C-alpha atoms as a PDB file:
ATOM      1  CA  MET A   1     -44.898 -14.695  16.532  1.00  0.00           C
ATOM      2  CA  LYS A   2     -44.498 -17.638  14.208  1.00  0.00           C
ATOM      3  CA  ILE A   3     -41.883 -15.792  12.124  1.00  0.00           C
ATOM      4  CA  ASN A   4     -39.912 -14.775  15.229  1.00  0.00           C
ATOM      5  CA  LYS A   5     -39.992 -18.372  16.464  1.00  0.00           C
ATOM      6  CA  LEU A   6     -38.831 -19.592  13.068  1.00  0.00           C
ATOM      7  CA  MET A   7     -35.942 -17.103  13.010  1.00  0.00           C
ATOM      8  CA  LYS A   8     -34.749 -18.277  16.421  1.00  0.00           C
ATOM      9  CA  ASN A   9     -34.496 -21.835  15.137  1.00  0.00           C
ATOM     10  CA  LEU A  10     -32.630 -20.903  11.961  1.00  0.00           C
ATOM     11  CA  PRO A  11     -28.929 -19.969  11.612  1.00  0.00           C
ATOM     12  CA  ILE A  12     -29.891 -16.434  10.470  1.00  0.00           C
ATOM     13  CA  THR A  13     -27.753 -13.428  11.394  1.00  0.00           C
ATOM     14  CA  ASP A  14     -28.956  -9.917  12.240  1.00  0.00           C
ATOM     15  CA  SER A  15     -27.116  -8.341   9.283  1.00  0.00           C
ATOM     16  CA  ILE A  16     -29.311  -7.041   6.472  1.00  0.00           C
ATOM     17  CA  SER A  17     -26.478  -5.590   4.372  1.00  0.00           C
ATOM     18  CA  GLU A  18     -24.672  -7.695   1.823  1.00  0.00           C
ATOM     19  CA  ASN A  19     -21.586  -5.500   2.307  1.00  0.00           C
ATOM     20  CA  ILE A  20     -21.440  -6.072   6.052  1.00  0.00           C
ATOM     21  CA  LYS A  21     -20.540  -9.695   6.497  1.00  0.00           C
ATOM     22  CA  PRO A  22     -21.062 -10.965  10.050  1.00  0.00           C
ATOM     23  CA  THR A  23     -18.817 -13.319  11.975  1.00  0.00           C
ATOM     24  CA  PRO A  24     -19.659 -16.877  10.983  1.00  0.00           C
ATOM     25  CA  MET A  25     -20.674 -19.512  13.486  1.00  0.00           C
ATOM     26  CA  THR A  26     -18.332 -22.342  14.459  1.00  0.00           C
ATOM     27  CA  CYS A  27     -19.171 -25.882  13.387  1.00  0.00           C
ATOM     28  CA  GLU A  28     -19.955 -28.043  16.407  1.00  0.00           C
ATOM     29  CA  TYR A  29     -18.336 -31.069  14.719  1.00  0.00           C
ATOM     30  CA  CYS A  30     -15.044 -29.939  13.178  1.00  0.00           C
ATOM     31  CA  GLY A  31     -14.559 -26.549  14.872  1.00  0.00           C
ATOM     32  CA  LYS A  32     -14.150 -24.687  11.579  1.00  0.00           C
ATOM     33  CA  LYS A  33     -16.135 -21.611  10.557  1.00  0.00           C
ATOM     34  CA  LYS A  34     -19.396 -22.302   8.756  1.00  0.00           C
ATOM     35  CA  PRO A  35     -19.836 -20.765   5.278  1.00  0.00           C
ATOM     36  CA  LEU A  36     -22.061 -17.657   5.066  1.00  0.00           C
ATOM     37  CA  LEU A  37     -24.698 -17.107   2.372  1.00  0.00           C
ATOM     38  CA  PHE A  38     -26.620 -13.867   1.663  1.00  0.00           C
ATOM     39  CA  ILE A  39     -30.069 -14.951   0.504  1.00  0.00           C
ATOM     40  CA  ASP A  40     -33.638 -13.687   0.253  1.00  0.00           C
ATOM     41  CA  ILE A  41     -35.719 -15.575   2.807  1.00  0.00           C
ATOM     42  CA  PRO A  42     -39.503 -15.668   2.209  1.00  0.00           C
ATOM     43  CA  LEU A  43     -41.437 -13.532   4.750  1.00  0.00           C
ATOM     44  CA  ILE A  44     -38.152 -12.409   6.297  1.00  0.00           C
ATOM     45  CA  GLY A  45     -36.182 -10.604   3.597  1.00  0.00           C
ATOM     46  CA  GLU A  46     -32.495 -10.564   2.667  1.00  0.00           C
ATOM     47  CA  LYS A  47     -30.270 -11.922   5.392  1.00  0.00           C
ATOM     48  CA  TRP A  48     -26.922 -13.544   5.912  1.00  0.00           C
ATOM     49  CA  ILE A  49     -27.345 -17.181   6.920  1.00  0.00           C
ATOM     50  CA  ASN A  50     -24.859 -19.682   8.327  1.00  0.00           C
ATOM     51  CA  ALA A  51     -24.920 -22.594   5.906  1.00  0.00           C
ATOM     52  CA  ALA A  52     -24.278 -26.168   6.969  1.00  0.00           C
ATOM     53  CA  CYS A  53     -20.611 -27.041   7.272  1.00  0.00           C
ATOM     54  CA  ALA A  54     -19.233 -29.372   4.605  1.00  0.00           C
ATOM     55  CA  CYS A  55     -18.372 -31.918   7.273  1.00  0.00           C
ATOM     56  CA  LYS A  56     -21.989 -31.971   8.514  1.00  0.00           C
ATOM     57  CA  VAL A  57     -23.282 -32.400   4.980  1.00  0.00           C
ATOM     58  CA  ALA A  58     -20.862 -35.289   4.500  1.00  0.00           C
ATOM     59  CA  ARG A  59     -21.976 -36.857   7.812  1.00  0.00           C
ATOM     60  CA  GLU A  60     -25.641 -36.597   6.831  1.00  0.00           C
ATOM     61  CA  GLU A  61     -24.995 -38.078   3.389  1.00  0.00           C
ATOM     62  CA  GLU A  62     -23.024 -40.920   4.961  1.00  0.00           C
ATOM     63  CA  PHE A  63     -25.884 -41.520   7.429  1.00  0.00           C
ATOM     64  CA  LYS A  64     -28.426 -41.680   4.594  1.00  0.00           C
ATOM     65  CA  LYS A  65     -26.135 -44.006   2.675  1.00  0.00           C
ATOM     66  CA  ARG A  66     -25.808 -46.300   5.703  1.00  0.00           C
ATOM     67  CA  GLN A  67     -29.583 -46.289   6.192  1.00  0.00           C
ATOM     68  CA  SER A  68     -30.114 -47.202   2.553  1.00  0.00           C
ATOM     69  CA  GLN A  69     -27.517 -49.964   2.778  1.00  0.00           C
ATOM     70  CA  GLU A  70     -29.038 -51.278   6.002  1.00  0.00           C
ATOM     71  CA  GLU A  71     -32.446 -51.496   4.367  1.00  0.00           C
ATOM     72  CA  ALA A  72     -30.960 -53.339   1.404  1.00  0.00           C
ATOM     73  CA  ASN A  73     -29.084 -55.684   3.749  1.00  0.00           C
ATOM     74  CA  ARG A  74     -32.253 -56.272   5.782  1.00  0.00           C
ATOM     75  CA  LYS A  75     -34.069 -57.449   2.682  1.00  0.00           C
ATOM     76  CA  ILE A  76     -31.160 -59.688   1.752  1.00  0.00           C
ATOM     77  CA  ARG A  77     -31.047 -61.146   5.270  1.00  0.00           C
ATOM     78  CA  GLU A  78     -34.708 -62.080   4.890  1.00  0.00           C
ATOM     79  CA  ILE A  79     -33.646 -64.277   1.991  1.00  0.00           C
ATOM     80  CA  LEU A  80     -30.658 -65.711   3.883  1.00  0.00           C
ATOM     81  CA  SER A  81     -32.761 -68.760   4.662  1.00  0.00           C
ATOM     82  CA  LEU A  82     -31.669 -69.612   1.127  1.00  0.00           C
ATOM     83  CA  SER A  83     -28.219 -70.360   2.410  1.00  0.00           C
ATOM     84  CA  SER A  84     -27.335 -74.037   2.524  1.00  0.00           C
ATOM     85  CA  SER A  85     -26.270 -75.595   5.855  1.00  0.00           C
ATOM     86  CA  MET A  86     -25.859 -72.163   7.461  1.00  0.00           C
ATOM     87  CA  LYS A  87     -25.646 -73.522  11.024  1.00  0.00           C
ATOM     88  CA  GLU A  88     -22.733 -75.775  10.145  1.00  0.00           C
ATOM     89  CA  LEU A  89     -21.015 -73.175   7.995  1.00  0.00           C
ATOM     90  CA  LYS A  90     -21.195 -70.494  10.699  1.00  0.00           C
ATOM     91  CA  SER A  91     -18.957 -72.657  12.881  1.00  0.00           C
ATOM     92  CA  TYR A  92     -16.161 -72.635  10.309  1.00  0.00           C
ATOM     93  CA  SER A  93     -13.226 -70.325  10.944  1.00  0.00           C
ATOM     94  CA  PHE A  94      -9.596 -69.904   9.982  1.00  0.00           C
ATOM     95  CA  ASN A  95      -8.673 -71.112  13.467  1.00  0.00           C
ATOM     96  CA  SER A  96     -10.508 -74.424  12.962  1.00  0.00           C
ATOM     97  CA  LEU A  97      -9.131 -74.896   9.433  1.00  0.00           C
ATOM     98  CA  LYS A  98      -6.561 -77.664   9.143  1.00  0.00           C
ATOM     99  CA  MET A  99      -3.549 -76.304   7.252  1.00  0.00           C
ATOM    100  CA  ARG A 100      -2.642 -79.333   5.185  1.00  0.00           C
ATOM    101  CA  PRO A 101      -0.135 -79.657   2.316  1.00  0.00           C
ATOM    102  CA  GLY A 102      -1.478 -78.119  -0.892  1.00  0.00           C
ATOM    103  CA  ILE A 103      -3.969 -75.678   0.654  1.00  0.00           C
ATOM    104  CA  GLU A 104      -1.453 -72.895   1.340  1.00  0.00           C
ATOM    105  CA  THR A 105      -2.023 -70.848  -1.833  1.00  0.00           C
ATOM    106  CA  ALA A 106      -5.800 -71.035  -1.589  1.00  0.00           C
ATOM    107  CA  TYR A 107      -5.627 -70.012   2.067  1.00  0.00           C
ATOM    108  CA  LYS A 108      -3.471 -67.017   1.197  1.00  0.00           C
ATOM    109  CA  LYS A 109      -5.836 -65.874  -1.571  1.00  0.00           C
ATOM    110  CA  VAL A 110      -8.930 -66.124   0.635  1.00  0.00           C
ATOM    111  CA  ARG A 111      -7.242 -64.130   3.404  1.00  0.00           C
ATOM    112  CA  GLU A 112      -6.183 -61.488   0.877  1.00  0.00           C
ATOM    113  CA  SER A 113      -9.722 -61.336  -0.524  1.00  0.00           C
ATOM    114  CA  VAL A 114     -11.108 -60.720   2.967  1.00  0.00           C
ATOM    115  CA  ASP A 115      -8.496 -58.085   3.852  1.00  0.00           C
ATOM    116  CA  ASN A 116      -8.994 -56.247   0.538  1.00  0.00           C
ATOM    117  CA  PHE A 117     -12.701 -56.930   0.053  1.00  0.00           C
ATOM    118  CA  ASN A 118     -13.735 -53.375  -0.848  1.00  0.00           C
ATOM    119  CA  GLU A 119     -10.685 -52.743  -3.014  1.00  0.00           C
ATOM    120  CA  TYR A 120     -11.148 -55.981  -4.982  1.00  0.00           C
ATOM    121  CA  GLY A 121     -14.683 -55.016  -6.053  1.00  0.00           C
ATOM    122  CA  LYS A 122     -16.059 -57.684  -8.401  1.00  0.00           C
ATOM    123  CA  LEU A 123     -12.839 -59.725  -8.346  1.00  0.00           C
ATOM    124  CA  GLY A 124     -13.761 -63.038  -6.760  1.00  0.00           C
ATOM    125  CA  LEU A 125     -12.234 -66.497  -6.422  1.00  0.00           C
ATOM    126  CA  LEU A 126     -12.461 -69.812  -8.242  1.00  0.00           C
ATOM    127  CA  ILE A 127     -10.948 -72.449  -5.962  1.00  0.00           C
ATOM    128  CA  PHE A 128     -10.893 -75.880  -7.556  1.00  0.00           C
ATOM    129  CA  GLY A 129      -9.537 -79.303  -6.725  1.00  0.00           C
ATOM    130  CA  GLN A 130     -10.736 -82.738  -5.655  1.00  0.00           C
ATOM    131  CA  SER A 131     -13.676 -83.221  -3.349  1.00  0.00           C
ATOM    132  CA  GLY A 132     -13.114 -83.112   0.409  1.00  0.00           C
ATOM    133  CA  ASN A 133      -9.875 -81.117   0.382  1.00  0.00           C
ATOM    134  CA  GLY A 134     -11.075 -78.122   2.429  1.00  0.00           C
ATOM    135  CA  LYS A 135     -12.407 -75.730  -0.232  1.00  0.00           C
ATOM    136  CA  THR A 136     -15.774 -75.233   1.466  1.00  0.00           C
ATOM    137  CA  HIS A 137     -14.289 -74.882   4.948  1.00  0.00           C
ATOM    138  CA  LEU A 138     -11.772 -72.353   3.661  1.00  0.00           C
ATOM    139  CA  THR A 139     -14.233 -70.113   1.782  1.00  0.00           C
ATOM    140  CA  ALA A 140     -16.816 -70.324   4.583  1.00  0.00           C
ATOM    141  CA  SER A 141     -14.132 -69.211   7.047  1.00  0.00           C
ATOM    142  CA  GLY A 142     -13.478 -66.134   4.932  1.00  0.00           C
ATOM    143  CA  ALA A 143     -17.201 -65.470   4.558  1.00  0.00           C
ATOM    144  CA  ASN A 144     -17.735 -65.658   8.332  1.00  0.00           C
ATOM    145  CA  GLN A 145     -14.977 -63.111   8.767  1.00  0.00           C
ATOM    146  CA  LEU A 146     -16.830 -60.779   6.397  1.00  0.00           C
ATOM    147  CA  LEU A 147     -20.124 -61.398   8.214  1.00  0.00           C
ATOM    148  CA  LYS A 148     -18.484 -60.189  11.431  1.00  0.00           C
ATOM    149  CA  LEU A 149     -17.510 -57.001   9.592  1.00  0.00           C
ATOM    150  CA  GLY A 150     -21.144 -56.355   8.649  1.00  0.00           C
ATOM    151  CA  TYR A 151     -21.197 -57.630   5.059  1.00  0.00           C
ATOM    152  CA  THR A 152     -24.073 -59.708   3.709  1.00  0.00           C
ATOM    153  CA  VAL A 153     -23.171 -63.170   2.466  1.00  0.00           C
ATOM    154  CA  ILE A 154     -25.232 -65.845   0.739  1.00  0.00           C
ATOM    155  CA  PHE A 155     -23.878 -69.391   0.617  1.00  0.00           C
ATOM    156  CA  LEU A 156     -25.478 -71.813  -1.845  1.00  0.00           C
ATOM    157  CA  THR A 157     -24.571 -75.081  -3.439  1.00  0.00           C
ATOM    158  CA  GLU A 158     -25.233 -75.062  -7.154  1.00  0.00           C
ATOM    159  CA  LYS A 159     -27.846 -77.812  -6.939  1.00  0.00           C
ATOM    160  CA  ASP A 160     -29.658 -76.042  -4.103  1.00  0.00           C
ATOM    161  CA  LEU A 161     -29.697 -72.748  -5.988  1.00  0.00           C
ATOM    162  CA  LEU A 162     -31.071 -74.300  -9.163  1.00  0.00           C
ATOM    163  CA  SER A 163     -33.659 -76.398  -7.339  1.00  0.00           C
ATOM    164  CA  ARG A 164     -34.984 -73.331  -5.483  1.00  0.00           C
ATOM    165  CA  LEU A 165     -35.224 -71.298  -8.674  1.00  0.00           C
ATOM    166  CA  LYS A 166     -36.838 -74.211 -10.482  1.00  0.00           C
ATOM    167  CA  GLU A 167     -39.383 -74.698  -7.700  1.00  0.00           C
ATOM    168  CA  THR A 168     -40.538 -71.075  -7.691  1.00  0.00           C
ATOM    169  CA  ASN A 169     -40.558 -70.999 -11.482  1.00  0.00           C
ATOM    170  CA  ASN A 170     -42.662 -74.166 -11.729  1.00  0.00           C
ATOM    171  CA  PHE A 171     -45.239 -72.784  -9.302  1.00  0.00           C
ATOM    172  CA  ASN A 172     -45.310 -69.468 -11.184  1.00  0.00           C
ATOM    173  CA  ASN A 173     -44.237 -67.662  -8.022  1.00  0.00           C
ATOM    174  CA  GLU A 174     -42.611 -64.802  -9.889  1.00  0.00           C
ATOM    175  CA  GLU A 175     -42.280 -62.606  -6.790  1.00  0.00           C
ATOM    176  CA  ARG A 176     -40.328 -65.260  -4.875  1.00  0.00           C
ATOM    177  CA  PHE A 177     -38.243 -66.065  -7.958  1.00  0.00           C
ATOM    178  CA  LEU A 178     -37.243 -62.408  -8.316  1.00  0.00           C
ATOM    179  CA  GLU A 179     -36.475 -62.178  -4.584  1.00  0.00           C
ATOM    180  CA  ILE A 180     -34.018 -65.071  -4.855  1.00  0.00           C
ATOM    181  CA  MET A 181     -32.402 -63.670  -7.988  1.00  0.00           C
ATOM    182  CA  SER A 182     -32.176 -60.186  -6.460  1.00  0.00           C
ATOM    183  CA  ALA A 183     -30.616 -61.482  -3.225  1.00  0.00           C
ATOM    184  CA  CYS A 184     -28.032 -63.497  -5.173  1.00  0.00           C
ATOM    185  CA  ILE A 185     -27.110 -60.391  -7.163  1.00  0.00           C
ATOM    186  CA  LYS A 186     -27.226 -57.786  -4.373  1.00  0.00           C
ATOM    187  CA  ALA A 187     -25.536 -59.623  -1.473  1.00  0.00           C
ATOM    188  CA  ASP A 188     -22.024 -58.320  -0.807  1.00  0.00           C
ATOM    189  CA  LEU A 189     -20.639 -61.816  -1.371  1.00  0.00           C
ATOM    190  CA  LEU A 190     -22.078 -64.900  -3.034  1.00  0.00           C
ATOM    191  CA  LEU A 191     -20.451 -68.220  -2.174  1.00  0.00           C
ATOM    192  CA  TRP A 192     -21.206 -70.654  -4.971  1.00  0.00           C
ATOM    193  CA  ASP A 193     -20.274 -74.116  -3.739  1.00  0.00           C
ATOM    194  CA  ASP A 194     -19.885 -77.175  -5.993  1.00  0.00           C
ATOM    195  CA  PHE A 195     -19.821 -75.073  -9.148  1.00  0.00           C
ATOM    196  CA  LEU A 196     -20.307 -77.137 -12.321  1.00  0.00           C
ATOM    197  CA  SER A 197     -21.592 -80.079 -10.305  1.00  0.00           C
ATOM    198  CA  SER A 198     -24.604 -80.040 -12.658  1.00  0.00           C
ATOM    199  CA  GLN A 199     -23.354 -81.371 -15.975  1.00  0.00           C
ATOM    200  CA  ARG A 200     -26.745 -81.431 -17.708  1.00  0.00           C
ATOM    201  CA  LEU A 201     -28.323 -78.002 -17.498  1.00  0.00           C
ATOM    202  CA  THR A 202     -31.638 -77.032 -19.037  1.00  0.00           C
ATOM    203  CA  GLN A 203     -31.750 -73.851 -21.084  1.00  0.00           C
ATOM    204  CA  SER A 204     -33.601 -72.104 -18.242  1.00  0.00           C
ATOM    205  CA  GLU A 205     -30.909 -73.112 -15.747  1.00  0.00           C
ATOM    206  CA  LYS A 206     -28.199 -71.834 -18.081  1.00  0.00           C
ATOM    207  CA  ASP A 207     -30.060 -68.535 -18.369  1.00  0.00           C
ATOM    208  CA  TRP A 208     -30.440 -68.222 -14.574  1.00  0.00           C
ATOM    209  CA  ILE A 209     -26.742 -68.869 -14.013  1.00  0.00           C
ATOM    210  CA  PHE A 210     -25.828 -66.268 -16.611  1.00  0.00           C
ATOM    211  CA  GLN A 211     -28.220 -63.710 -15.118  1.00  0.00           C
ATOM    212  CA  ILE A 212     -26.670 -64.052 -11.667  1.00  0.00           C
ATOM    213  CA  ILE A 213     -23.067 -63.992 -12.871  1.00  0.00           C
ATOM    214  CA  ASN A 214     -23.698 -61.141 -15.292  1.00  0.00           C
ATOM    215  CA  GLY A 215     -25.759 -59.241 -12.716  1.00  0.00           C
ATOM    216  CA  ARG A 216     -23.018 -59.420 -10.102  1.00  0.00           C
ATOM    217  CA  GLU A 217     -20.439 -58.317 -12.663  1.00  0.00           C
ATOM    218  CA  ARG A 218     -22.552 -55.238 -13.434  1.00  0.00           C
ATOM    219  CA  ALA A 219     -23.105 -54.585  -9.713  1.00  0.00           C
ATOM    220  CA  ASP A 220     -19.334 -54.820  -9.110  1.00  0.00           C
ATOM    221  CA  LYS A 221     -19.810 -57.635  -6.579  1.00  0.00           C
ATOM    222  CA  PRO A 222     -17.697 -60.795  -6.287  1.00  0.00           C
ATOM    223  CA  ILE A 223     -18.476 -64.498  -6.351  1.00  0.00           C
ATOM    224  CA  TRP A 224     -16.360 -67.104  -4.601  1.00  0.00           C
ATOM    225  CA  PHE A 225     -16.722 -70.389  -6.468  1.00  0.00           C
ATOM    226  CA  THR A 226     -15.613 -73.787  -5.245  1.00  0.00           C
ATOM    227  CA  SER A 227     -15.444 -76.592  -7.781  1.00  0.00           C
ATOM    228  CA  ASN A 228     -14.216 -80.167  -8.113  1.00  0.00           C
ATOM    229  CA  LEU A 229     -12.611 -79.359 -11.467  1.00  0.00           C
ATOM    230  CA  THR A 230      -9.213 -80.920 -12.002  1.00  0.00           C
ATOM    231  CA  GLU A 231      -6.266 -78.782 -13.036  1.00  0.00           C
ATOM    232  CA  GLU A 232      -6.388 -80.247 -16.555  1.00  0.00           C
ATOM    233  CA  GLU A 233     -10.148 -79.626 -16.876  1.00  0.00           C
ATOM    234  CA  PHE A 234      -9.689 -76.006 -15.866  1.00  0.00           C
ATOM    235  CA  ILE A 235      -6.804 -75.374 -18.249  1.00  0.00           C
ATOM    236  CA  LYS A 236      -8.686 -76.905 -21.192  1.00  0.00           C
ATOM    237  CA  ASN A 237     -11.934 -75.089 -20.322  1.00  0.00           C
ATOM    238  CA  LYS A 238     -13.559 -78.497 -20.562  1.00  0.00           C
ATOM    239  CA  TYR A 239     -16.932 -77.424 -19.193  1.00  0.00           C
ATOM    240  CA  ALA A 240     -17.169 -73.933 -20.655  1.00  0.00           C
ATOM    241  CA  LYS A 241     -19.752 -75.024 -23.236  1.00  0.00           C
ATOM    242  CA  VAL A 242     -21.825 -76.740 -20.529  1.00  0.00           C
ATOM    243  CA  LEU A 243     -22.863 -73.291 -19.304  1.00  0.00           C
ATOM    244  CA  ASP A 244     -23.743 -71.946 -22.756  1.00  0.00           C
ATOM    245  CA  ASP A 245     -22.819 -72.698 -26.344  1.00  0.00           C
ATOM    246  CA  LYS A 246     -20.892 -69.465 -26.856  1.00  0.00           C
ATOM    247  CA  GLY A 247     -18.884 -69.615 -23.646  1.00  0.00           C
ATOM    248  CA  ARG A 248     -19.991 -66.150 -22.518  1.00  0.00           C
ATOM    249  CA  THR A 249     -20.744 -67.284 -18.942  1.00  0.00           C
ATOM    250  CA  TRP A 250     -17.387 -69.008 -18.560  1.00  0.00           C
ATOM    251  CA  SER A 251     -15.659 -65.931 -19.988  1.00  0.00           C
ATOM    252  CA  ARG A 252     -17.219 -63.717 -17.301  1.00  0.00           C
ATOM    253  CA  ILE A 253     -16.246 -66.166 -14.566  1.00  0.00           C
ATOM    254  CA  ILE A 254     -12.621 -66.351 -15.686  1.00  0.00           C
ATOM    255  CA  GLY A 255     -12.464 -62.591 -16.184  1.00  0.00           C
ATOM    256  CA  ASN A 256     -13.776 -61.805 -12.688  1.00  0.00           C
ATOM    257  CA  THR A 257     -12.055 -64.385 -10.495  1.00  0.00           C
ATOM    258  CA  ILE A 258      -8.636 -65.373  -9.248  1.00  0.00           C
ATOM    259  CA  PRO A 259      -8.317 -69.069 -10.158  1.00  0.00           C
ATOM    260  CA  VAL A 260      -6.577 -71.166  -7.500  1.00  0.00           C
ATOM    261  CA  PHE A 261      -5.848 -74.884  -7.670  1.00  0.00           C
ATOM    262  CA  ASN A 262      -6.098 -76.501  -4.240  1.00  0.00           C
ATOM    263  CA  SER A 263      -3.862 -79.556  -4.528  1.00  0.00           C
ATOM    264  CA  SER A 264      -4.631 -80.775  -1.019  1.00  0.00           C
ATOM    265  CA  SER A 265      -5.892 -84.370  -0.790  1.00  0.00           C
ATOM    266  CA  ASP A 266      -9.355 -85.596   0.182  1.00  0.00           C
ATOM    267  CA  TYR A 267      -9.531 -85.290   3.975  1.00  0.00           C
ATOM    268  CA  ARG A 268     -12.444 -87.732   4.246  1.00  0.00           C
ATOM    269  CA  LYS A 269     -10.469 -90.472   2.510  1.00  0.00           C
ATOM    270  CA  LEU A 270      -7.465 -89.748   4.692  1.00  0.00           C
ATOM    271  CA  LYS A 271      -9.570 -90.184   7.827  1.00  0.00           C
ATOM    272  CA  ALA A 272     -10.874 -93.508   6.523  1.00  0.00           C
ATOM    273  CA  ARG A 273      -7.317 -94.717   5.766  1.00  0.00           C
ATOM    274  CA  ALA A 274      -6.131 -93.542   9.161  1.00  0.00           C
ATOM    275  CA  ARG A 275      -8.838 -95.560  10.910  1.00  0.00           C
ATOM    276  CA  LEU A 276      -8.160 -98.574   8.703  1.00  0.00           C
ATOM    277  CA  ASN A 277      -4.398 -98.564   9.368  1.00  0.00           C
ATOM    278  CA  ASP A 278      -4.643 -97.300  12.953  1.00  0.00           C
ATOM    279  CA  GLN A 279      -2.478 -94.306  12.056  1.00  0.00           C
ATOM    280  CA  SER A 280      -2.751 -90.552  12.399  1.00  0.00           C
ATOM    281  CA  ILE A 281      -3.701 -88.460   9.386  1.00  0.00           C
ATOM    282  CA  GLU A 282      -0.312 -86.732   9.644  1.00  0.00           C
ATOM    283  CA  GLU A 283       1.421 -90.110   9.308  1.00  0.00           C
ATOM    284  CA  ILE A 284      -0.716 -91.014   6.312  1.00  0.00           C
ATOM    285  CA  GLU A 285       0.058 -87.703   4.571  1.00  0.00           C
ATOM    286  CA  LYS A 286       3.759 -88.034   5.342  1.00  0.00           C
ATOM    287  CA  ASP A 287       3.877 -91.483   3.739  1.00  0.00           C
ATOM    288  CA  THR A 288       1.837 -90.412   0.694  1.00  0.00           C
ATOM    289  CA  PRO A 289       4.080 -89.357  -2.232  1.00  0.00           C
END
């Protein structure tokens, strides 16, 4: 009885001759004929069996892959409390971004990075320029677009990242330390705001920065950096040795990012001047050479 019940639930044909191939079943998904295999089934004997269609196998593998990715993303989302000022950043969008003179190239590169996120792999962005010129708003807008598409994103200022790692390290909370490091490496996108804002790094901090940057390079995942570097400082690699004596961290950053100079002016200063002179920001920018 048990064998008969088992046979009814399996795609086994009635044919017992290898030379007499039965008509294959039709796949319920793609409509094509399923492949037939002549095999020796324990307790049943040699039989032709309708194997799973290639499309079904692909669907099942894709489902398992999605489940695995969802579990990984769930763990990363648990660490998303790491993210700095998430409530404020979630309100940023391309629609609310003020397109001011000098930001055009950076805007274009962020949009391209969003549209080609999977194709770009580990190729990230290094957007630099003076403070207050829209770098954070711009990159957060792109990150929010990716969040809507189901990607995991961690946003951290450099000081916040280092202080969190330092705190867990000082309290010997190795499990929490590894969770933070793992999330920073495994998230689909890491937004690293105010990069190189820490000019005096301890050796441990240098090592942590290298581990994250190197880990994301190996995982083929991008980092979007924002930095207040000037164009001259970037060209001369002025702060390369701040990260490590041999420049290996800086080399990985330059090799895995599209550098973009945002020449837009400081919006906060413009607002202050506009209030002082009772003018609009547009008038101030128009009069500024």
